[in-house]
Amino acid sequence: ITKGNLMTTKAPIKIVKGAKTYDLHLMWDLHHKCNFHCSYCSPGLNNGSVDLLRIDDLKGLIDRVVSHYKGVLGYKNILFSFTGGEPTLWKDFQELIVYAHEKGIHLGLTTNGSVGLNFWKRTSTFFDYICLSYHAEFVDNDRFLSTFEYLHNQTETVVPSVRMMMHKERKYWDKAIEVLDKIKKFPNWTYECVYILDDYAKMSVHKTPYPSKEQEDFLKDNAFKSQFTDNSYVHLPSVLFDYQVEYAEGGIGKLDENVLINNNQVDFFGWQCNIGLESLFIDAEGSVYRSGCAPGKFTKTLGNIFDYKNIEFPVRPIFCSTKEGCYCPTDIRIGKQKLF
């Protein structure tokens, strides 16, 4: 709203979860082991171990989540989003996916695409979304494209999204462009070209400077692109995230987390927040938190998956106690309201 030369902004007083949104989104860093060792990625995100994981513990954790959130709270739709590390490196990951699917859990996966096709033949139809993350320093282009083609052509599998980590070095940049040009020859695709950050492991907001204006312009123009020209078999991702904002001045609008961040409207101190009711986060050490970003900073651990029987899942909202602001989109995208 503009009054003369003065710019004023409506004040949000409530963020509301839409009726078709997942009741619970559980984000799970399964482990920190990866077969890629990209220069921009902290060793802490790829030199970990999968030796501690035991399938019985993880099945027990799934049973507890289902019992609490579906049984006690009456939830219908629960999404598990798996990241890593490279989740598919764990030998029992396929068994875990099958078990979760049989329990009625919706699934999402971010992967570098290096796993063999046998994995996808068994599990691809179970996922609400599949994100293929491209890393030019280590990826085999032919294998990556073969995986994309297989998933693209399965009538009951979601069209995979492609996340291109665009390395500034020319040989890797050109390698990525080669793959992207081939992906765009398919009838259906979604991709985003992503800046490399200065400190990827610490969720830095500082973009690595790129050596040419051509690269900078390309990144701006290809932040997100999609095409769906063959609707005879396309199965679109069915990810359900729909939140709205209510304002003190009246009116309701669709939530855009970045708008609130840019307008400095993310101070939710004292607000009632459904974090832990609508979201959970499990780190690579198995600790369970309410918060998806900076786990442990604002909310204490709820327990650990290796002692899953004693995890204390939330039954009520919390009151936000941080005065530092909430700059994490996944934590902003949680039902919350200002009470005073």
C-alpha atoms as a PDB file:
ATOM      1  CA  ILE A   1       0.000   0.000   0.000  1.00  0.00           C
ATOM      2  CA  THR A   2       1.489   3.345  -1.017  1.00  0.00           C
ATOM      3  CA  LYS A   3       0.529   6.642   0.632  1.00  0.00           C
ATOM      4  CA  GLY A   4       2.305   9.494  -1.130  1.00  0.00           C
ATOM      5  CA  ASN A   5       5.972   8.539  -0.981  1.00  0.00           C
ATOM      6  CA  LEU A   6       5.492   6.412   2.127  1.00  0.00           C
ATOM      7  CA  MET A   7       5.424   2.651   1.674  1.00  0.00           C
ATOM      8  CA  THR A   8       3.469   0.744   4.306  1.00  0.00           C
ATOM      9  CA  THR A   9       3.028  -3.008   4.605  1.00  0.00           C
ATOM     10  CA  LYS A  10       0.157  -5.000   6.029  1.00  0.00           C
ATOM     11  CA  ALA A  11       0.991  -6.697   9.313  1.00  0.00           C
ATOM     12  CA  PRO A  12       0.537 -10.490   9.384  1.00  0.00           C
ATOM     13  CA  ILE A  13      -1.217 -11.844  12.463  1.00  0.00           C
ATOM     14  CA  LYS A  14      -1.799 -15.458  11.442  1.00  0.00           C
ATOM     15  CA  ILE A  15      -0.417 -18.127   9.102  1.00  0.00           C
ATOM     16  CA  VAL A  16      -2.976 -20.804   8.296  1.00  0.00           C
ATOM     17  CA  LYS A  17      -2.491 -24.286   6.846  1.00  0.00           C
ATOM     18  CA  GLY A  18      -4.706 -25.011   3.836  1.00  0.00           C
ATOM     19  CA  ALA A  19      -7.210 -27.881   3.948  1.00  0.00           C
ATOM     20  CA  LYS A  20      -5.314 -29.968   1.354  1.00  0.00           C
ATOM     21  CA  THR A  21      -1.867 -29.451   2.869  1.00  0.00           C
ATOM     22  CA  TYR A  22       0.029 -32.344   4.463  1.00  0.00           C
ATOM     23  CA  ASP A  23      -0.919 -32.635   8.115  1.00  0.00           C
ATOM     24  CA  LEU A  24       2.723 -33.400   8.999  1.00  0.00           C
ATOM     25  CA  HIS A  25       5.960 -32.903   7.066  1.00  0.00           C
ATOM     26  CA  LEU A  26       8.858 -34.914   8.488  1.00  0.00           C
ATOM     27  CA  MET A  27      12.240 -33.898   7.042  1.00  0.00           C
ATOM     28  CA  TRP A  28      14.859 -36.620   7.496  1.00  0.00           C
ATOM     29  CA  ASP A  29      18.613 -36.310   6.948  1.00  0.00           C
ATOM     30  CA  LEU A  30      19.019 -40.065   6.876  1.00  0.00           C
ATOM     31  CA  HIS A  31      22.832 -39.999   7.089  1.00  0.00           C
ATOM     32  CA  HIS A  32      25.819 -37.922   5.980  1.00  0.00           C
ATOM     33  CA  LYS A  33      27.569 -40.329   3.635  1.00  0.00           C
ATOM     34  CA  CYS A  34      27.792 -39.524  -0.076  1.00  0.00           C
ATOM     35  CA  ASN A  35      29.544 -41.025  -3.078  1.00  0.00           C
ATOM     36  CA  PHE A  36      30.145 -37.472  -4.350  1.00  0.00           C
ATOM     37  CA  HIS A  37      32.590 -35.103  -2.643  1.00  0.00           C
ATOM     38  CA  CYS A  38      31.782 -31.779  -4.260  1.00  0.00           C
ATOM     39  CA  SER A  39      34.175 -28.899  -3.622  1.00  0.00           C
ATOM     40  CA  TYR A  40      31.374 -26.606  -2.395  1.00  0.00           C
ATOM     41  CA  CYS A  41      29.981 -29.157   0.065  1.00  0.00           C
ATOM     42  CA  SER A  42      31.297 -29.457   3.607  1.00  0.00           C
ATOM     43  CA  PRO A  43      32.995 -32.802   4.373  1.00  0.00           C
ATOM     44  CA  GLY A  44      30.503 -33.086   7.216  1.00  0.00           C
ATOM     45  CA  LEU A  45      27.769 -33.659   4.639  1.00  0.00           C
ATOM     46  CA  ASN A  46      29.513 -36.463   2.753  1.00  0.00           C
ATOM     47  CA  ASN A  47      32.071 -38.259   4.933  1.00  0.00           C
ATOM     48  CA  GLY A  48      29.680 -39.666   7.518  1.00  0.00           C
ATOM     49  CA  SER A  49      28.704 -43.260   8.147  1.00  0.00           C
ATOM     50  CA  VAL A  50      25.626 -45.395   7.639  1.00  0.00           C
ATOM     51  CA  ASP A  51      26.867 -48.088  10.025  1.00  0.00           C
ATOM     52  CA  LEU A  52      24.655 -46.982  12.922  1.00  0.00           C
ATOM     53  CA  LEU A  53      21.401 -47.337  10.999  1.00  0.00           C
ATOM     54  CA  ARG A  54      19.329 -50.390  11.837  1.00  0.00           C
ATOM     55  CA  ILE A  55      16.185 -51.132   9.854  1.00  0.00           C
ATOM     56  CA  ASP A  56      14.267 -52.334  12.934  1.00  0.00           C
ATOM     57  CA  ASP A  57      14.887 -49.000  14.711  1.00  0.00           C
ATOM     58  CA  LEU A  58      13.663 -47.027  11.722  1.00  0.00           C
ATOM     59  CA  LYS A  59      10.586 -49.202  11.287  1.00  0.00           C
ATOM     60  CA  GLY A  60       9.891 -48.706  14.980  1.00  0.00           C
ATOM     61  CA  LEU A  61      10.160 -44.953  14.520  1.00  0.00           C
ATOM     62  CA  ILE A  62       7.673 -45.075  11.637  1.00  0.00           C
ATOM     63  CA  ASP A  63       5.257 -47.093  13.779  1.00  0.00           C
ATOM     64  CA  ARG A  64       5.498 -44.478  16.533  1.00  0.00           C
ATOM     65  CA  VAL A  65       4.911 -41.587  14.133  1.00  0.00           C
ATOM     66  CA  VAL A  66       1.857 -43.326  12.682  1.00  0.00           C
ATOM     67  CA  SER A  67       0.535 -44.224  16.127  1.00  0.00           C
ATOM     68  CA  HIS A  68       0.911 -40.672  17.475  1.00  0.00           C
ATOM     69  CA  TYR A  69       0.046 -38.445  14.544  1.00  0.00           C
ATOM     70  CA  LYS A  70      -2.591 -40.650  12.912  1.00  0.00           C
ATOM     71  CA  GLY A  71      -3.840 -42.528  15.960  1.00  0.00           C
ATOM     72  CA  VAL A  72      -3.738 -39.824  18.653  1.00  0.00           C
ATOM     73  CA  LEU A  73      -4.006 -36.609  16.609  1.00  0.00           C
ATOM     74  CA  GLY A  74      -6.158 -38.005  13.811  1.00  0.00           C
ATOM     75  CA  TYR A  75      -3.914 -36.911  10.932  1.00  0.00           C
ATOM     76  CA  LYS A  76      -4.595 -38.224   7.428  1.00  0.00           C
ATOM     77  CA  ASN A  77      -1.623 -37.134   5.301  1.00  0.00           C
ATOM     78  CA  ILE A  78       1.995 -37.463   6.484  1.00  0.00           C
ATOM     79  CA  LEU A  79       4.988 -36.718   4.226  1.00  0.00           C
ATOM     80  CA  PHE A  80       8.514 -38.013   4.835  1.00  0.00           C
ATOM     81  CA  SER A  81      11.153 -36.062   2.864  1.00  0.00           C
ATOM     82  CA  PHE A  82      14.491 -37.902   2.672  1.00  0.00           C
ATOM     83  CA  THR A  83      17.813 -36.139   2.119  1.00  0.00           C
ATOM     84  CA  GLY A  84      21.424 -36.803   3.104  1.00  0.00           C
ATOM     85  CA  GLY A  85      24.184 -37.407   2.297  1.00  0.00           C
ATOM     86  CA  GLU A  86      22.961 -39.661  -0.465  1.00  0.00           C
ATOM     87  CA  PRO A  87      20.051 -41.594   1.109  1.00  0.00           C
ATOM     88  CA  THR A  88      20.133 -44.450  -1.412  1.00  0.00           C
ATOM     89  CA  LEU A  89      23.626 -45.523  -0.280  1.00  0.00           C
ATOM     90  CA  TRP A  90      22.151 -47.211   2.769  1.00  0.00           C
ATOM     91  CA  LYS A  91      21.632 -50.882   1.934  1.00  0.00           C
ATOM     92  CA  ASP A  92      18.219 -51.032   3.629  1.00  0.00           C
ATOM     93  CA  PHE A  93      16.822 -47.783   2.209  1.00  0.00           C
ATOM     94  CA  GLN A  94      14.588 -49.598  -0.275  1.00  0.00           C
ATOM     95  CA  GLU A  95      13.137 -51.752   2.496  1.00  0.00           C
ATOM     96  CA  LEU A  96      12.486 -48.616   4.564  1.00  0.00           C
ATOM     97  CA  ILE A  97      10.687 -46.937   1.656  1.00  0.00           C
ATOM     98  CA  VAL A  98       8.500 -49.970   1.056  1.00  0.00           C
ATOM     99  CA  TYR A  99       7.641 -50.205   4.761  1.00  0.00           C
ATOM    100  CA  ALA A 100       6.733 -46.508   5.018  1.00  0.00           C
ATOM    101  CA  HIS A 101       4.591 -46.753   1.883  1.00  0.00           C
ATOM    102  CA  GLU A 102       2.740 -49.762   3.286  1.00  0.00           C
ATOM    103  CA  LYS A 103       2.004 -47.712   6.426  1.00  0.00           C
ATOM    104  CA  GLY A 104       0.318 -45.035   4.310  1.00  0.00           C
ATOM    105  CA  ILE A 105       3.175 -42.500   4.461  1.00  0.00           C
ATOM    106  CA  HIS A 106       3.643 -40.101   1.545  1.00  0.00           C
ATOM    107  CA  LEU A 107       7.271 -39.922   0.386  1.00  0.00           C
ATOM    108  CA  GLY A 108       9.692 -37.462  -1.151  1.00  0.00           C
ATOM    109  CA  LEU A 109      13.353 -37.942  -2.067  1.00  0.00           C
ATOM    110  CA  THR A 110      16.290 -35.748  -3.000  1.00  0.00           C
ATOM    111  CA  THR A 111      19.042 -37.839  -4.625  1.00  0.00           C
ATOM    112  CA  ASN A 112      22.059 -37.388  -6.881  1.00  0.00           C
ATOM    113  CA  GLY A 113      20.560 -40.005  -9.204  1.00  0.00           C
ATOM    114  CA  SER A 114      23.435 -42.458  -9.017  1.00  0.00           C
ATOM    115  CA  VAL A 115      21.401 -45.375  -7.649  1.00  0.00           C
ATOM    116  CA  GLY A 116      20.675 -48.166 -10.130  1.00  0.00           C
ATOM    117  CA  LEU A 117      17.379 -48.597 -11.955  1.00  0.00           C
ATOM    118  CA  ASN A 118      16.428 -51.645  -9.885  1.00  0.00           C
ATOM    119  CA  PHE A 119      15.736 -49.299  -6.971  1.00  0.00           C
ATOM    120  CA  TRP A 120      13.404 -47.172  -9.073  1.00  0.00           C
ATOM    121  CA  LYS A 121      11.643 -50.186 -10.571  1.00  0.00           C
ATOM    122  CA  ARG A 122      10.596 -51.194  -7.072  1.00  0.00           C
ATOM    123  CA  THR A 123       9.854 -47.804  -5.529  1.00  0.00           C
ATOM    124  CA  SER A 124       9.366 -44.983  -8.063  1.00  0.00           C
ATOM    125  CA  THR A 125       5.564 -45.028  -7.865  1.00  0.00           C
ATOM    126  CA  PHE A 126       5.665 -44.511  -4.090  1.00  0.00           C
ATOM    127  CA  PHE A 127       6.943 -40.912  -4.234  1.00  0.00           C
ATOM    128  CA  ASP A 128       4.948 -37.698  -4.243  1.00  0.00           C
ATOM    129  CA  TYR A 129       8.065 -35.967  -5.519  1.00  0.00           C
ATOM    130  CA  ILE A 130      11.533 -36.976  -6.748  1.00  0.00           C
ATOM    131  CA  CYS A 131      14.272 -34.357  -6.974  1.00  0.00           C
ATOM    132  CA  LEU A 132      17.370 -35.295  -8.983  1.00  0.00           C
ATOM    133  CA  SER A 133      20.224 -33.111  -7.752  1.00  0.00           C
ATOM    134  CA  TYR A 134      22.905 -32.532 -10.391  1.00  0.00           C
ATOM    135  CA  HIS A 135      26.570 -32.047  -9.365  1.00  0.00           C
ATOM    136  CA  ALA A 136      28.900 -31.698 -12.351  1.00  0.00           C
ATOM    137  CA  GLU A 137      32.171 -32.498 -10.590  1.00  0.00           C
ATOM    138  CA  PHE A 138      31.203 -36.126 -10.004  1.00  0.00           C
ATOM    139  CA  VAL A 139      28.071 -36.995 -11.965  1.00  0.00           C
ATOM    140  CA  ASP A 140      28.045 -39.340 -14.938  1.00  0.00           C
ATOM    141  CA  ASN A 141      25.905 -37.459 -17.463  1.00  0.00           C
ATOM    142  CA  ASP A 142      24.768 -40.562 -19.324  1.00  0.00           C
ATOM    143  CA  ARG A 143      23.680 -42.296 -16.114  1.00  0.00           C
ATOM    144  CA  PHE A 144      21.902 -39.166 -14.879  1.00  0.00           C
ATOM    145  CA  LEU A 145      20.000 -38.819 -18.152  1.00  0.00           C
ATOM    146  CA  SER A 146      19.119 -42.519 -18.204  1.00  0.00           C
ATOM    147  CA  THR A 147      17.615 -42.186 -14.735  1.00  0.00           C
ATOM    148  CA  PHE A 148      15.667 -39.100 -15.766  1.00  0.00           C
ATOM    149  CA  GLU A 149      14.393 -40.822 -18.904  1.00  0.00           C
ATOM    150  CA  TYR A 150      13.271 -43.920 -17.007  1.00  0.00           C
ATOM    151  CA  LEU A 151      11.362 -41.910 -14.402  1.00  0.00           C
ATOM    152  CA  HIS A 152       9.950 -39.558 -17.029  1.00  0.00           C
ATOM    153  CA  ASN A 153       8.494 -42.436 -19.040  1.00  0.00           C
ATOM    154  CA  GLN A 154       6.787 -44.288 -16.192  1.00  0.00           C
ATOM    155  CA  THR A 155       3.078 -43.546 -16.388  1.00  0.00           C
ATOM    156  CA  GLU A 156       2.506 -43.900 -12.633  1.00  0.00           C
ATOM    157  CA  THR A 157       5.656 -42.089 -11.514  1.00  0.00           C
ATOM    158  CA  VAL A 158       5.871 -38.347 -10.870  1.00  0.00           C
ATOM    159  CA  VAL A 159       7.872 -36.341 -13.384  1.00  0.00           C
ATOM    160  CA  PRO A 160      11.181 -35.819 -11.545  1.00  0.00           C
ATOM    161  CA  SER A 161      12.338 -32.286 -10.878  1.00  0.00           C
ATOM    162  CA  VAL A 162      15.985 -31.516 -11.630  1.00  0.00           C
ATOM    163  CA  ARG A 163      18.056 -29.264  -9.378  1.00  0.00           C
ATOM    164  CA  MET A 164      21.138 -28.113 -11.253  1.00  0.00           C
ATOM    165  CA  MET A 165      23.941 -26.991  -8.943  1.00  0.00           C
ATOM    166  CA  MET A 166      25.664 -24.660 -11.402  1.00  0.00           C
ATOM    167  CA  HIS A 167      29.434 -24.789 -10.883  1.00  0.00           C
ATOM    168  CA  LYS A 168      31.137 -21.580 -11.970  1.00  0.00           C
ATOM    169  CA  GLU A 169      34.162 -23.329 -13.511  1.00  0.00           C
ATOM    170  CA  ARG A 170      33.654 -23.383 -17.275  1.00  0.00           C
ATOM    171  CA  LYS A 171      34.232 -27.112 -17.878  1.00  0.00           C
ATOM    172  CA  TYR A 172      31.660 -28.026 -15.234  1.00  0.00           C
ATOM    173  CA  TRP A 173      29.294 -25.272 -16.325  1.00  0.00           C
ATOM    174  CA  ASP A 174      29.351 -26.590 -19.908  1.00  0.00           C
ATOM    175  CA  LYS A 175      28.852 -30.150 -18.665  1.00  0.00           C
ATOM    176  CA  ALA A 176      25.703 -29.040 -16.832  1.00  0.00           C
ATOM    177  CA  ILE A 177      24.381 -27.117 -19.841  1.00  0.00           C
ATOM    178  CA  GLU A 178      24.843 -30.239 -21.981  1.00  0.00           C
ATOM    179  CA  VAL A 179      22.578 -32.228 -19.651  1.00  0.00           C
ATOM    180  CA  LEU A 180      20.056 -29.418 -19.397  1.00  0.00           C
ATOM    181  CA  ASP A 181      19.769 -29.129 -23.191  1.00  0.00           C
ATOM    182  CA  LYS A 182      19.024 -32.856 -23.410  1.00  0.00           C
ATOM    183  CA  ILE A 183      16.440 -32.741 -20.616  1.00  0.00           C
ATOM    184  CA  LYS A 184      14.597 -29.961 -22.450  1.00  0.00           C
ATOM    185  CA  LYS A 185      14.110 -32.270 -25.407  1.00  0.00           C
ATOM    186  CA  PHE A 186      11.719 -34.374 -23.311  1.00  0.00           C
ATOM    187  CA  PRO A 187       8.075 -33.317 -23.409  1.00  0.00           C
ATOM    188  CA  ASN A 188       7.737 -32.941 -19.618  1.00  0.00           C
ATOM    189  CA  TRP A 189      10.244 -31.448 -17.227  1.00  0.00           C
ATOM    190  CA  THR A 190      10.839 -29.112 -14.309  1.00  0.00           C
ATOM    191  CA  TYR A 191      14.238 -27.731 -13.426  1.00  0.00           C
ATOM    192  CA  GLU A 192      15.895 -25.047 -11.364  1.00  0.00           C
ATOM    193  CA  CYS A 193      19.423 -23.729 -11.807  1.00  0.00           C
ATOM    194  CA  VAL A 194      20.914 -22.969  -8.425  1.00  0.00           C
ATOM    195  CA  TYR A 195      23.703 -20.633  -7.349  1.00  0.00           C
ATOM    196  CA  ILE A 196      26.559 -22.209  -5.434  1.00  0.00           C
ATOM    197  CA  LEU A 197      26.768 -20.643  -1.970  1.00  0.00           C
ATOM    198  CA  ASP A 198      29.965 -19.597  -0.224  1.00  0.00           C
ATOM    199  CA  ASP A 199      29.343 -21.914   2.711  1.00  0.00           C
ATOM    200  CA  TYR A 200      26.805 -24.482   1.623  1.00  0.00           C
ATOM    201  CA  ALA A 201      27.014 -26.506   4.836  1.00  0.00           C
ATOM    202  CA  LYS A 202      26.037 -23.546   7.031  1.00  0.00           C
ATOM    203  CA  MET A 203      23.107 -22.519   4.844  1.00  0.00           C
ATOM    204  CA  SER A 204      24.957 -19.401   3.751  1.00  0.00           C
ATOM    205  CA  VAL A 205      22.981 -16.729   1.925  1.00  0.00           C
ATOM    206  CA  HIS A 206      26.119 -15.444   0.208  1.00  0.00           C
ATOM    207  CA  LYS A 207      26.252 -16.475  -3.450  1.00  0.00           C
ATOM    208  CA  THR A 208      29.553 -17.418  -5.000  1.00  0.00           C
ATOM    209  CA  PRO A 209      30.542 -14.716  -7.543  1.00  0.00           C
ATOM    210  CA  TYR A 210      30.446 -16.033 -11.105  1.00  0.00           C
ATOM    211  CA  PRO A 211      33.146 -14.939 -13.571  1.00  0.00           C
ATOM    212  CA  SER A 212      30.882 -13.781 -16.401  1.00  0.00           C
ATOM    213  CA  LYS A 213      27.709 -11.749 -16.867  1.00  0.00           C
ATOM    214  CA  GLU A 214      26.488 -14.515 -19.178  1.00  0.00           C
ATOM    215  CA  GLN A 215      26.496 -16.971 -16.265  1.00  0.00           C
ATOM    216  CA  GLU A 216      24.827 -14.523 -13.895  1.00  0.00           C
ATOM    217  CA  ASP A 217      22.102 -13.734 -16.439  1.00  0.00           C
ATOM    218  CA  PHE A 218      21.558 -17.430 -17.155  1.00  0.00           C
ATOM    219  CA  LEU A 219      21.076 -18.191 -13.463  1.00  0.00           C
ATOM    220  CA  LYS A 220      18.552 -15.370 -13.098  1.00  0.00           C
ATOM    221  CA  ASP A 221      16.642 -16.486 -16.190  1.00  0.00           C
ATOM    222  CA  ASN A 222      16.614 -20.169 -15.212  1.00  0.00           C
ATOM    223  CA  ALA A 223      15.821 -19.990 -11.521  1.00  0.00           C
ATOM    224  CA  PHE A 224      12.785 -22.157 -12.230  1.00  0.00           C
ATOM    225  CA  LYS A 225      11.445 -23.517 -15.527  1.00  0.00           C
ATOM    226  CA  SER A 226       8.863 -26.159 -16.393  1.00  0.00           C
ATOM    227  CA  GLN A 227       7.197 -27.655 -19.428  1.00  0.00           C
ATOM    228  CA  PHE A 228       4.417 -30.232 -19.764  1.00  0.00           C
ATOM    229  CA  THR A 229       3.492 -30.751 -23.404  1.00  0.00           C
ATOM    230  CA  ASP A 230       2.453 -34.408 -23.382  1.00  0.00           C
ATOM    231  CA  ASN A 231      -0.476 -34.876 -21.053  1.00  0.00           C
ATOM    232  CA  SER A 232      -1.296 -38.354 -22.297  1.00  0.00           C
ATOM    233  CA  TYR A 233       0.739 -39.970 -19.528  1.00  0.00           C
ATOM    234  CA  VAL A 234       2.257 -37.239 -17.380  1.00  0.00           C
ATOM    235  CA  HIS A 235       1.922 -37.798 -13.644  1.00  0.00           C
ATOM    236  CA  LEU A 236       2.610 -34.499 -11.926  1.00  0.00           C
ATOM    237  CA  PRO A 237       4.166 -34.173  -8.481  1.00  0.00           C
ATOM    238  CA  SER A 238       1.395 -34.025  -5.882  1.00  0.00           C
ATOM    239  CA  VAL A 239       3.229 -32.160  -3.146  1.00  0.00           C
ATOM    240  CA  LEU A 240       0.695 -30.362  -0.989  1.00  0.00           C
ATOM    241  CA  PHE A 241       1.961 -27.154   0.633  1.00  0.00           C
ATOM    242  CA  ASP A 242      -0.712 -24.465   0.777  1.00  0.00           C
ATOM    243  CA  TYR A 243      -0.522 -21.820   3.473  1.00  0.00           C
ATOM    244  CA  GLN A 244      -2.236 -18.431   3.723  1.00  0.00           C
ATOM    245  CA  VAL A 245      -1.551 -15.228   5.662  1.00  0.00           C
ATOM    246  CA  GLU A 246      -4.159 -13.248   7.561  1.00  0.00           C
ATOM    247  CA  TYR A 247      -3.489  -9.551   8.185  1.00  0.00           C
ATOM    248  CA  ALA A 248      -4.303  -7.198  11.061  1.00  0.00           C
ATOM    249  CA  GLU A 249      -5.861  -4.752   8.598  1.00  0.00           C
ATOM    250  CA  GLY A 250      -8.094  -7.518   7.261  1.00  0.00           C
ATOM    251  CA  GLY A 251      -7.801  -9.741   4.232  1.00  0.00           C
ATOM    252  CA  ILE A 252      -6.091 -13.029   3.437  1.00  0.00           C
ATOM    253  CA  GLY A 253      -3.303 -13.746   0.941  1.00  0.00           C
ATOM    254  CA  LYS A 254      -1.238 -16.712  -0.202  1.00  0.00           C
ATOM    255  CA  LEU A 255       1.874 -17.200   1.893  1.00  0.00           C
ATOM    256  CA  ASP A 256       5.160 -16.278   0.251  1.00  0.00           C
ATOM    257  CA  GLU A 257       7.871 -16.888   2.819  1.00  0.00           C
ATOM    258  CA  ASN A 258      10.440 -14.773   0.947  1.00  0.00           C
ATOM    259  CA  VAL A 259       8.116 -11.759   0.936  1.00  0.00           C
ATOM    260  CA  LEU A 260       7.811 -11.889   4.714  1.00  0.00           C
ATOM    261  CA  ILE A 261      11.592 -12.240   5.031  1.00  0.00           C
ATOM    262  CA  ASN A 262      12.242  -9.318   2.671  1.00  0.00           C
ATOM    263  CA  ASN A 263       9.706  -7.159   4.543  1.00  0.00           C
ATOM    264  CA  ASN A 264      11.259  -8.001   7.937  1.00  0.00           C
ATOM    265  CA  GLN A 265       7.979  -9.543   9.078  1.00  0.00           C
ATOM    266  CA  VAL A 266       9.382 -12.750  10.555  1.00  0.00           C
ATOM    267  CA  ASP A 267       9.559 -11.753  14.209  1.00  0.00           C
ATOM    268  CA  PHE A 268       7.122 -14.256  15.727  1.00  0.00           C
ATOM    269  CA  PHE A 269       8.229 -13.809  19.341  1.00  0.00           C
ATOM    270  CA  GLY A 270       5.316 -14.713  21.606  1.00  0.00           C
ATOM    271  CA  TRP A 271       3.244 -16.187  18.778  1.00  0.00           C
ATOM    272  CA  GLN A 272       1.585 -19.570  19.195  1.00  0.00           C
ATOM    273  CA  CYS A 273       3.235 -21.931  16.677  1.00  0.00           C
ATOM    274  CA  ASN A 274       2.388 -25.451  15.501  1.00  0.00           C
ATOM    275  CA  ILE A 275       5.996 -26.412  14.947  1.00  0.00           C
ATOM    276  CA  GLY A 276       6.291 -30.052  15.960  1.00  0.00           C
ATOM    277  CA  LEU A 277       2.637 -30.606  15.162  1.00  0.00           C
ATOM    278  CA  GLU A 278       2.959 -29.817  11.469  1.00  0.00           C
ATOM    279  CA  SER A 279       6.689 -30.477  11.113  1.00  0.00           C
ATOM    280  CA  LEU A 280       9.467 -32.678  12.460  1.00  0.00           C
ATOM    281  CA  PHE A 281      13.159 -32.888  11.628  1.00  0.00           C
ATOM    282  CA  ILE A 282      15.518 -35.835  12.124  1.00  0.00           C
ATOM    283  CA  ASP A 283      19.235 -35.167  11.777  1.00  0.00           C
ATOM    284  CA  ALA A 284      21.952 -37.589  10.655  1.00  0.00           C
ATOM    285  CA  GLU A 285      22.674 -38.555  14.266  1.00  0.00           C
ATOM    286  CA  GLY A 286      19.052 -39.591  14.754  1.00  0.00           C
ATOM    287  CA  SER A 287      18.001 -36.684  16.977  1.00  0.00           C
ATOM    288  CA  VAL A 288      14.370 -35.656  16.522  1.00  0.00           C
ATOM    289  CA  TYR A 289      13.404 -31.961  16.638  1.00  0.00           C
ATOM    290  CA  ARG A 290      10.335 -29.865  16.036  1.00  0.00           C
ATOM    291  CA  SER A 291      12.338 -27.466  13.897  1.00  0.00           C
ATOM    292  CA  GLY A 292      13.509 -27.970  10.321  1.00  0.00           C
ATOM    293  CA  CYS A 293      16.148 -25.234  10.449  1.00  0.00           C
ATOM    294  CA  ALA A 294      18.812 -24.695  13.104  1.00  0.00           C
ATOM    295  CA  PRO A 295      17.573 -27.737  15.040  1.00  0.00           C
ATOM    296  CA  GLY A 296      18.169 -27.486  18.744  1.00  0.00           C
ATOM    297  CA  LYS A 297      18.634 -23.722  18.643  1.00  0.00           C
ATOM    298  CA  PHE A 298      15.024 -22.863  19.392  1.00  0.00           C
ATOM    299  CA  THR A 299      13.562 -26.199  20.487  1.00  0.00           C
ATOM    300  CA  LYS A 300      15.143 -29.009  22.442  1.00  0.00           C
ATOM    301  CA  THR A 301      15.404 -32.516  21.091  1.00  0.00           C
ATOM    302  CA  LEU A 302      12.320 -34.712  21.408  1.00  0.00           C
ATOM    303  CA  GLY A 303      14.440 -37.856  21.574  1.00  0.00           C
ATOM    304  CA  ASN A 304      16.420 -40.085  19.261  1.00  0.00           C
ATOM    305  CA  ILE A 305      15.409 -42.710  16.718  1.00  0.00           C
ATOM    306  CA  PHE A 306      17.800 -45.221  18.319  1.00  0.00           C
ATOM    307  CA  ASP A 307      15.623 -44.986  21.421  1.00  0.00           C
ATOM    308  CA  TYR A 308      12.401 -44.520  19.468  1.00  0.00           C
ATOM    309  CA  LYS A 309      10.126 -45.839  22.204  1.00  0.00           C
ATOM    310  CA  ASN A 310      10.979 -42.835  24.394  1.00  0.00           C
ATOM    311  CA  ILE A 311      10.560 -40.038  21.831  1.00  0.00           C
ATOM    312  CA  GLU A 312       8.196 -37.402  23.268  1.00  0.00           C
ATOM    313  CA  PHE A 313       6.103 -36.296  20.298  1.00  0.00           C
ATOM    314  CA  PRO A 314       4.277 -32.961  20.784  1.00  0.00           C
ATOM    315  CA  VAL A 315       0.582 -32.744  21.577  1.00  0.00           C
ATOM    316  CA  ARG A 316       0.191 -28.953  21.676  1.00  0.00           C
ATOM    317  CA  PRO A 317       1.662 -25.808  20.075  1.00  0.00           C
ATOM    318  CA  ILE A 318       4.558 -23.856  21.535  1.00  0.00           C
ATOM    319  CA  PHE A 319       4.994 -20.152  22.141  1.00  0.00           C
ATOM    320  CA  CYS A 320       7.894 -18.748  20.138  1.00  0.00           C
ATOM    321  CA  SER A 321      10.702 -17.660  22.460  1.00  0.00           C
ATOM    322  CA  THR A 322      13.301 -16.377  19.990  1.00  0.00           C
ATOM    323  CA  LYS A 323      13.817 -12.685  19.329  1.00  0.00           C
ATOM    324  CA  GLU A 324      16.211 -13.383  16.457  1.00  0.00           C
ATOM    325  CA  GLY A 325      13.522 -13.728  13.808  1.00  0.00           C
ATOM    326  CA  CYS A 326      12.502 -16.782  11.807  1.00  0.00           C
ATOM    327  CA  TYR A 327      14.416 -16.780   8.509  1.00  0.00           C
ATOM    328  CA  CYS A 328      13.875 -20.408   7.521  1.00  0.00           C
ATOM    329  CA  PRO A 329      11.119 -20.902   4.905  1.00  0.00           C
ATOM    330  CA  THR A 330      10.206 -24.357   6.202  1.00  0.00           C
ATOM    331  CA  ASP A 331       9.702 -22.958   9.701  1.00  0.00           C
ATOM    332  CA  ILE A 332       7.784 -19.923   8.480  1.00  0.00           C
ATOM    333  CA  ARG A 333       5.522 -22.309   6.569  1.00  0.00           C
ATOM    334  CA  ILE A 334       3.942 -23.576   9.793  1.00  0.00           C
ATOM    335  CA  GLY A 335       0.557 -22.613  11.224  1.00  0.00           C
ATOM    336  CA  LYS A 336       1.024 -19.831  13.794  1.00  0.00           C
ATOM    337  CA  GLN A 337      -0.854 -16.858  15.209  1.00  0.00           C
ATOM    338  CA  LYS A 338      -0.245 -13.670  17.167  1.00  0.00           C
ATOM    339  CA  LEU A 339      -2.209 -13.769  20.428  1.00  0.00           C
ATOM    340  CA  PHE A 340      -1.539 -10.277  21.765  1.00  0.00           C
END
